[in-house]
Every structure is written in structure tokens, then in C-alpha cells.
Amino acid sequence: MPVTPDLIREKLIAEIGAIHVDVEDTSPNRCAASFKVLVVSPQFEGKALLQRHRLVNNCLAEELKEIHAFEQKTLTPEQWEKQKAQ
């Protein structure tokens, strides 16, 4: 199955309880080789950045085998609310 923004979004919601996910295909011609994601999940509470990124990477392990570049930003719900207020 090809990697799509919808597939990435659905997996993150289902597997790590993300309450907000933005996925942008940043590859030229939108060929699904490069993605930028913003993930908001209560599971990130109390976790260091590296631990958060590992959660996302483990969730998307199979998809990452097909992706050439993957940029992620991980926030707790509280951090997300603060960011939106700015």
C-alpha cells in the first residue's frame, strides 16, 4: 500500500492516541517521498523529545521504510493550546 498523508494520520490517531495530526507531503510533485508532520498526543506528557519521536517512528516503522525524508514536531495537548494562542 502506498504511503499517503491519510494513512499516516490514521495510524497516528489509532496507535498513539493523537488528538491532532497535520501531515504535509513535502516532496516535489507530491510523490509521497517526503513528509512533514505535526502530532499532538496526551501520550507525549512527561516524555523527552527523543522518546516522543521514537513513539512516532515505532508507529510508522513500515511506512518509514518507503519514505526518504520525515520531519516531525510532537506536542502535548497543553503545548498545542499554547502554540495556537500565540
Protein backbone atom coordinates (compact mmCIF):
# COMPACT_ATOMS: atom_id res chain seq x y z
CA MET A 1 0.00 0.00 0.00
CA PRO A 2 1.46 3.40 -0.92
CA VAL A 3 2.18 5.84 1.88
CA THR A 4 -0.32 8.69 1.90
CA PRO A 5 -0.96 11.59 4.26
CA ASP A 6 -4.27 9.95 5.22
CA LEU A 7 -2.58 6.65 6.06
CA ILE A 8 -0.02 8.40 8.27
CA ARG A 9 -2.75 10.44 10.01
CA GLU A 10 -4.98 7.39 10.63
CA LYS A 11 -2.13 5.29 12.07
CA LEU A 12 -1.02 8.03 14.45
CA ILE A 13 -4.57 8.58 15.69
CA ALA A 14 -5.24 4.86 16.12
CA GLU A 15 -1.92 3.75 17.59
CA ILE A 16 -0.71 6.63 19.76
CA GLY A 17 -3.98 8.37 20.51
CA ALA A 18 -3.14 11.55 18.61
CA ILE A 19 -5.83 14.19 19.00
CA HIS A 20 -4.47 16.36 16.19
CA VAL A 21 -2.31 15.40 13.22
CA ASP A 22 -1.19 17.60 10.32
CA VAL A 23 0.57 15.76 7.50
CA GLU A 24 2.15 17.58 4.57
CA ASP A 25 3.67 15.82 1.58
CA THR A 26 6.78 17.98 1.05
CA SER A 27 8.25 16.01 -1.83
CA PRO A 28 8.47 17.56 -5.29
CA ASN A 29 5.38 16.72 -7.34
CA ARG A 30 3.78 15.29 -4.18
CA CYS A 31 5.23 11.84 -4.87
CA ALA A 32 4.99 10.66 -1.22
CA ALA A 33 8.74 10.50 -0.64
CA SER A 34 8.98 13.26 1.96
CA PHE A 35 6.59 14.23 4.75
CA LYS A 36 6.34 16.85 7.48
CA VAL A 37 4.04 16.03 10.40
CA LEU A 38 2.71 17.74 13.50
CA VAL A 39 1.42 15.28 16.09
CA VAL A 40 -0.45 16.22 19.27
CA SER A 41 -0.96 13.40 21.76
CA PRO A 42 -1.53 13.06 25.50
CA GLN A 43 0.92 10.13 25.36
CA PHE A 44 3.72 12.69 24.99
CA GLU A 45 3.11 14.07 28.51
CA GLY A 46 6.26 13.78 30.62
CA LYS A 47 8.33 12.37 27.75
CA ALA A 48 11.51 13.90 26.34
CA LEU A 49 11.64 14.86 22.66
CA LEU A 50 13.60 11.75 21.73
CA GLN A 51 11.04 9.49 23.45
CA ARG A 52 8.21 11.24 21.60
CA HIS A 53 9.94 10.82 18.26
CA ARG A 54 10.58 7.14 19.00
CA LEU A 55 6.85 6.64 19.65
CA VAL A 56 6.05 8.15 16.25
CA ASN A 57 8.86 6.26 14.49
CA ASN A 58 7.75 2.95 16.01
CA CYS A 59 4.16 3.60 14.98
CA LEU A 60 5.21 4.32 11.39
CA ALA A 61 8.06 1.80 11.15
CA GLU A 62 6.78 0.11 7.98
CA GLU A 63 5.90 3.40 6.27
CA LEU A 64 9.28 4.94 7.08
CA LYS A 65 10.95 2.20 5.02
CA GLU A 66 9.39 3.80 1.92
CA ILE A 67 9.86 7.46 2.88
CA HIS A 68 13.07 9.33 2.05
CA ALA A 69 12.61 12.28 4.44
CA PHE A 70 10.44 12.59 7.53
CA GLU A 71 10.24 15.72 9.68
CA GLN A 72 8.18 15.62 12.84
CA LYS A 73 7.04 18.00 15.53
CA THR A 74 5.49 16.41 18.61
CA LEU A 75 3.44 18.33 21.17
CA THR A 76 1.33 17.61 24.22
CA PRO A 77 -2.24 18.97 24.16
CA GLU A 78 -1.16 21.73 26.57
CA GLN A 79 1.77 22.73 24.33
CA TRP A 80 -0.54 22.70 21.31
CA GLU A 81 -3.03 25.04 23.00
CA LYS A 82 -0.23 27.44 23.94
CA GLN A 83 1.11 27.40 20.38
CA LYS A 84 -2.32 28.08 18.90
CA ALA A 85 -2.78 31.04 21.25
CA GLN A 86 0.38 32.76 20.00
